[in-house]
């Protein structure tokens, strides 16, 4: 549980913002940025051990070479940036649980405020609650003056075609060793032994961190499920229409869909397959 005061959180975040914009080439710093709940903490942990550098998490960093993780927009003064992408629909589902259920890493203030703002009668009625929650998340982050607040779509647009290393959450699940090895090579760090990469990726695999198999859900854990595609279980057509309205273009841009026909295939808790048959995901 993050018990830092709001002032402490802001001070720590401000120092990180200054560091990533002024010192990434000097020490160097390796910057991992993501839209919330995209797997950025996981990637930062892996890179930290592979490169044998500190990863100051939820604390104020020292002015030294390190892995810095955050939700950071592009700046031309940054170097050594790793951008982590995840299907925005899965981000919405993961954010729902992170924002409305207490876990060991989130802020009690966040949970209390989100519950008050949403006013849901039954928090576990995820399918019916998601459309309102998705709209809330996008409207809250849209065109915000706060540099740490932006929508998933804005994050995708902001980092599109930048000089950065891209890692996808889904690719890490599929072959984490290959993803990390590629990322390190793009960061010009070919000095990390393959055996170390294998050992570190295994160490931080979901099953070893959460002590559960991927797909086994624990709503009170920061590591809730550890498996891509849960949106197919939680979205209905109303959720799909809301997400498509706010971020359908960016979903296609990242290749998660070819067009927006997926919206019409959604029914409550199911995805209609091309055969016309209803398949529970």
Protein backbone atom coordinates (compact mmCIF):
# COMPACT_ATOMS: atom_id res chain seq x y z
CA UNK A 1 0.00 0.00 0.00
CA UNK A 2 1.35 3.42 -0.98
CA UNK A 3 0.94 5.53 2.16
CA UNK A 4 2.89 8.55 0.96
CA UNK A 5 1.08 11.86 1.32
CA UNK A 6 -0.11 13.61 -1.82
CA UNK A 7 2.61 16.21 -1.29
CA UNK A 8 5.31 13.52 -1.04
CA UNK A 9 4.03 11.82 -4.18
CA UNK A 10 4.11 15.10 -6.07
CA UNK A 11 7.60 15.99 -4.84
CA UNK A 12 8.97 12.57 -5.83
CA UNK A 13 7.26 12.80 -9.22
CA UNK A 14 8.57 16.31 -9.84
CA UNK A 15 12.17 15.24 -9.16
CA UNK A 16 11.75 12.29 -11.54
CA UNK A 17 10.41 14.64 -14.20
CA UNK A 18 13.41 16.93 -13.80
CA UNK A 19 15.84 14.01 -13.89
CA UNK A 20 14.41 12.34 -17.00
CA UNK A 21 14.43 15.66 -18.85
CA UNK A 22 17.94 16.74 -17.87
CA UNK A 23 20.08 13.77 -16.88
CA UNK A 24 19.15 10.71 -18.93
CA UNK A 25 22.23 11.08 -21.15
CA UNK A 26 24.59 11.97 -18.31
CA UNK A 27 24.45 9.09 -15.80
CA UNK A 28 22.84 7.44 -17.88
CA UNK A 29 19.22 6.92 -16.86
CA UNK A 30 17.00 4.30 -18.46
CA UNK A 31 13.42 5.55 -18.56
CA UNK A 32 10.46 3.17 -18.62
CA UNK A 33 7.22 4.96 -19.41
CA UNK A 34 3.72 3.52 -19.75
CA UNK A 35 0.05 4.28 -19.52
CA UNK A 36 -0.98 2.98 -16.07
CA UNK A 37 -1.44 -0.79 -15.73
CA UNK A 38 0.50 -1.64 -18.89
CA UNK A 39 3.24 -3.69 -17.21
CA UNK A 40 5.82 -0.92 -16.85
CA UNK A 41 6.78 -1.83 -13.29
CA UNK A 42 7.44 -5.40 -14.39
CA UNK A 43 9.65 -4.23 -17.28
CA UNK A 44 11.54 -1.85 -14.98
CA UNK A 45 12.22 -4.66 -12.49
CA UNK A 46 13.59 -6.89 -15.24
CA UNK A 47 15.79 -4.16 -16.73
CA UNK A 48 17.05 -3.20 -13.28
CA UNK A 49 18.39 -6.67 -12.59
CA UNK A 50 19.65 -7.25 -16.11
CA UNK A 51 21.64 -4.01 -16.06
CA UNK A 52 22.45 -4.26 -12.33
CA UNK A 53 21.12 -0.78 -11.68
CA UNK A 54 18.88 0.52 -8.86
CA UNK A 55 15.15 0.84 -9.45
CA UNK A 56 13.82 3.40 -6.93
CA UNK A 57 10.14 2.51 -6.73
CA UNK A 58 7.71 4.86 -4.96
CA UNK A 59 10.63 6.71 -3.38
CA UNK A 60 12.61 9.78 -4.35
CA UNK A 61 15.50 8.73 -6.65
CA UNK A 62 19.13 9.65 -6.12
CA UNK A 63 21.07 11.53 -8.78
CA UNK A 64 22.81 8.48 -10.22
CA UNK A 65 22.48 5.94 -12.99
CA UNK A 66 19.22 4.04 -12.48
CA UNK A 67 16.02 2.70 -13.98
CA UNK A 68 13.29 5.32 -13.65
CA UNK A 69 9.70 4.29 -14.19
CA UNK A 70 6.71 6.53 -14.60
CA UNK A 71 3.81 7.75 -16.71
CA UNK A 72 5.75 10.25 -18.76
CA UNK A 73 5.07 12.13 -21.97
CA UNK A 74 7.63 12.58 -24.72
CA UNK A 75 10.35 15.20 -24.47
CA UNK A 76 13.20 15.66 -26.99
CA UNK A 77 15.64 15.93 -24.08
CA UNK A 78 15.04 12.32 -23.02
CA UNK A 79 17.33 9.45 -23.95
CA UNK A 80 17.28 5.67 -23.34
CA UNK A 81 13.48 5.54 -23.27
CA UNK A 82 11.49 2.30 -23.18
CA UNK A 83 7.80 2.73 -23.98
CA UNK A 84 5.52 -0.07 -22.78
CA UNK A 85 2.26 -0.62 -24.64
CA UNK A 86 -0.67 -2.80 -23.68
CA UNK A 87 -4.09 -3.30 -25.27
CA UNK A 88 -6.04 -0.33 -23.95
CA UNK A 89 -9.10 -2.47 -23.28
CA UNK A 90 -7.10 -4.61 -20.87
CA UNK A 91 -5.74 -1.41 -19.31
CA UNK A 92 -9.32 -0.29 -18.62
CA UNK A 93 -10.22 -3.57 -16.92
CA UNK A 94 -7.03 -3.58 -14.87
CA UNK A 95 -7.54 0.08 -13.91
CA UNK A 96 -11.09 -0.73 -12.80
CA UNK A 97 -9.83 -3.15 -10.17
CA UNK A 98 -6.80 -1.00 -9.26
CA UNK A 99 -8.97 2.08 -8.77
CA UNK A 100 -11.90 0.49 -6.93
CA UNK A 101 -10.30 -2.29 -4.85
CA UNK A 102 -7.51 -1.86 -2.33
CA UNK A 103 -4.26 -3.70 -3.03
CA UNK A 104 -0.76 -3.70 -1.57
CA UNK A 105 0.54 -1.01 -3.97
CA UNK A 106 -2.24 1.46 -4.69
CA UNK A 107 -3.32 4.52 -2.74
CA UNK A 108 -6.23 4.37 -0.29
CA UNK A 109 -7.04 7.93 -1.37
CA UNK A 110 -7.39 6.76 -5.00
CA UNK A 111 -9.78 3.97 -4.07
CA UNK A 112 -11.89 6.18 -1.80
CA UNK A 113 -12.15 8.95 -4.39
CA UNK A 114 -12.96 6.64 -7.30
CA UNK A 115 -15.64 4.82 -5.33
CA UNK A 116 -17.18 8.16 -4.38
CA UNK A 117 -17.04 9.48 -7.94
CA UNK A 118 -18.48 6.31 -9.49
CA UNK A 119 -21.19 5.63 -6.91
CA UNK A 120 -21.57 2.00 -7.99
CA UNK A 121 -24.06 -0.06 -5.96
CA UNK A 122 -22.24 -3.33 -6.69
CA UNK A 123 -18.52 -3.08 -7.43
CA UNK A 124 -18.31 -6.68 -8.66
CA UNK A 125 -20.85 -6.02 -11.42
CA UNK A 126 -17.95 -5.23 -13.71
CA UNK A 127 -19.74 -5.81 -17.02
CA UNK A 128 -22.44 -3.26 -16.29
CA UNK A 129 -20.13 -0.79 -14.54
CA UNK A 130 -17.36 -0.67 -17.13
CA UNK A 131 -19.01 1.68 -19.68
CA UNK A 132 -19.40 4.43 -17.08
CA UNK A 133 -15.92 3.77 -15.67
CA UNK A 134 -14.24 3.90 -19.11
CA UNK A 135 -15.95 7.22 -19.86
CA UNK A 136 -14.85 8.53 -16.46
CA UNK A 137 -11.21 7.54 -17.04
CA UNK A 138 -11.05 9.11 -20.50
CA UNK A 139 -12.83 12.32 -19.53
CA UNK A 140 -10.73 12.70 -16.37
CA UNK A 141 -7.46 12.44 -18.31
CA UNK A 142 -8.42 14.26 -21.50
CA UNK A 143 -6.53 17.46 -22.39
CA UNK A 144 -5.34 17.85 -18.81
CA UNK A 145 -2.78 20.49 -17.84
CA UNK A 146 -1.25 18.10 -15.33
CA UNK A 147 1.74 16.47 -17.17
CA UNK A 148 1.02 13.12 -15.48
CA UNK A 149 -2.61 12.92 -16.56
CA UNK A 150 -3.47 11.78 -20.07
CA UNK A 151 -5.69 9.21 -21.69
CA UNK A 152 -4.53 5.92 -23.16
CA UNK A 153 -5.18 7.33 -26.63
CA UNK A 154 -3.17 10.48 -25.88
CA UNK A 155 -0.28 8.37 -24.60
CA UNK A 156 -0.25 6.34 -27.82
CA UNK A 157 -0.35 9.46 -30.00
CA UNK A 158 2.26 11.22 -27.87
CA UNK A 159 4.84 8.44 -28.31
CA UNK A 160 4.01 7.51 -31.91
CA UNK A 161 7.05 7.53 -34.22
CA UNK A 162 9.48 8.64 -31.52
CA UNK A 163 13.07 7.57 -31.05
CA UNK A 164 12.39 5.02 -28.33
CA UNK A 165 12.42 1.29 -27.62
CA UNK A 166 8.94 -0.26 -27.67
CA UNK A 167 7.96 -3.28 -25.57
CA UNK A 168 4.48 -4.76 -25.65
CA UNK A 169 2.97 -6.41 -22.60
CA UNK A 170 1.57 -9.19 -24.76
CA UNK A 171 4.97 -9.90 -26.33
CA UNK A 172 6.55 -10.10 -22.88
CA UNK A 173 3.98 -12.71 -21.93
CA UNK A 174 4.69 -14.63 -25.13
CA UNK A 175 8.51 -14.58 -25.08
CA UNK A 176 9.94 -12.32 -22.41
CA UNK A 177 13.54 -13.34 -23.01
CA UNK A 178 13.40 -12.39 -26.69
CA UNK A 179 11.67 -9.08 -25.92
CA UNK A 180 14.19 -8.05 -23.28
CA UNK A 181 17.17 -9.15 -25.38
CA UNK A 182 15.88 -7.09 -28.32
CA UNK A 183 15.23 -4.07 -26.06
CA UNK A 184 18.72 -4.23 -24.57
CA UNK A 185 20.31 -4.38 -28.02
CA UNK A 186 18.28 -1.32 -29.08
CA UNK A 187 19.51 0.42 -25.92
CA UNK A 188 23.06 -0.42 -27.07
CA UNK A 189 23.58 -2.77 -24.14
CA UNK A 190 24.90 -5.92 -25.76
CA UNK A 191 27.02 -6.68 -22.68
CA UNK A 192 24.26 -8.54 -20.79
CA UNK A 193 24.72 -12.34 -20.95
CA UNK A 194 21.83 -14.31 -22.37
CA UNK A 195 21.87 -16.56 -19.29
CA UNK A 196 21.29 -13.54 -17.05
CA UNK A 197 18.36 -12.38 -19.16
CA UNK A 198 16.80 -15.84 -18.93
CA UNK A 199 17.25 -15.99 -15.15
CA UNK A 200 15.86 -12.50 -14.56
CA UNK A 201 12.81 -12.99 -16.78
CA UNK A 202 12.07 -16.24 -14.95
CA UNK A 203 12.51 -14.57 -11.56
CA UNK A 204 9.94 -11.89 -12.38
CA UNK A 205 7.46 -14.15 -14.16
CA UNK A 206 3.91 -13.78 -12.86
CA UNK A 207 3.82 -17.25 -11.33
CA UNK A 208 6.99 -16.58 -9.32
CA UNK A 209 5.96 -13.12 -8.12
CA UNK A 210 2.28 -13.72 -7.44
CA UNK A 211 2.58 -17.40 -6.46
CA UNK A 212 -0.38 -18.07 -8.74
CA UNK A 213 -0.77 -19.31 -12.28
CA UNK A 214 -1.49 -16.66 -14.93
CA UNK A 215 -5.25 -16.25 -15.19
CA UNK A 216 -5.90 -17.03 -11.52
CA UNK A 217 -7.41 -13.78 -10.28
CA UNK A 218 -6.83 -12.07 -6.95
CA UNK A 219 -8.68 -8.74 -6.85
CA UNK A 220 -6.80 -7.59 -3.75
CA UNK A 221 -3.38 -7.95 -5.40
CA UNK A 222 -1.45 -5.45 -7.52
CA UNK A 223 -0.65 -8.50 -9.67
CA UNK A 224 -4.32 -9.32 -10.22
CA UNK A 225 -4.39 -11.75 -13.14
CA UNK A 226 -1.22 -11.68 -15.25
CA UNK A 227 -2.83 -12.71 -18.50
CA UNK A 228 -3.74 -10.66 -21.59
CA UNK A 229 -7.24 -10.61 -23.05
CA UNK A 230 -9.33 -10.33 -19.89
CA UNK A 231 -11.26 -7.50 -21.53
CA UNK A 232 -13.09 -10.18 -23.54
CA UNK A 233 -14.59 -11.45 -20.29
CA UNK A 234 -15.55 -8.03 -18.92
CA UNK A 235 -16.59 -5.88 -21.90
CA UNK A 236 -20.10 -5.74 -23.30
CA UNK A 237 -21.21 -3.81 -26.38
CA UNK A 238 -21.74 -0.64 -24.37
CA UNK A 239 -18.14 -0.83 -23.09
CA UNK A 240 -16.90 -1.51 -26.61
CA UNK A 241 -18.75 1.50 -28.03
CA UNK A 242 -17.41 3.83 -25.34
CA UNK A 243 -13.82 2.63 -25.80
CA UNK A 244 -14.10 2.80 -29.59
CA UNK A 245 -15.38 6.38 -29.33
CA UNK A 246 -12.41 7.52 -27.28
CA UNK A 247 -9.59 5.31 -28.57
CA UNK A 248 -10.69 3.16 -31.50
CA UNK A 249 -8.24 4.81 -33.90
CA UNK A 250 -5.29 4.25 -31.58
CA UNK A 251 -6.28 0.62 -30.98
CA UNK A 252 -6.06 0.07 -34.74
CA UNK A 253 -2.84 2.10 -35.01
CA UNK A 254 -1.11 -0.22 -32.55
CA UNK A 255 -2.40 -3.27 -34.42
CA UNK A 256 -4.68 -4.66 -31.72
CA UNK A 257 -7.56 -4.54 -34.23
CA UNK A 258 -7.66 -4.19 -38.01
CA UNK A 259 -10.84 -2.07 -37.93
CA UNK A 260 -13.69 -1.35 -35.54
CA UNK A 261 -15.80 -4.37 -36.49
CA UNK A 262 -14.90 -5.90 -33.09
CA UNK A 263 -17.44 -3.55 -31.51
CA UNK A 264 -20.39 -5.10 -33.32
CA UNK A 265 -19.22 -8.59 -32.30
CA UNK A 266 -19.49 -7.81 -28.59
CA UNK A 267 -22.39 -9.03 -26.47
CA UNK A 268 -22.51 -9.12 -22.68
CA UNK A 269 -19.37 -10.94 -21.51
CA UNK A 270 -18.87 -12.63 -24.86
CA UNK A 271 -17.21 -12.06 -28.21
CA UNK A 272 -19.06 -13.24 -31.30
CA UNK A 273 -16.69 -15.24 -33.46
CA UNK A 274 -16.63 -14.93 -37.24
CA UNK A 275 -18.57 -18.20 -37.48
CA UNK A 276 -21.52 -16.44 -35.86
CA UNK A 277 -21.35 -18.70 -32.86
CA UNK A 278 -21.07 -17.29 -29.35
CA UNK A 279 -17.77 -18.15 -27.68
CA UNK A 280 -17.08 -17.38 -24.06
CA UNK A 281 -13.62 -15.91 -23.65
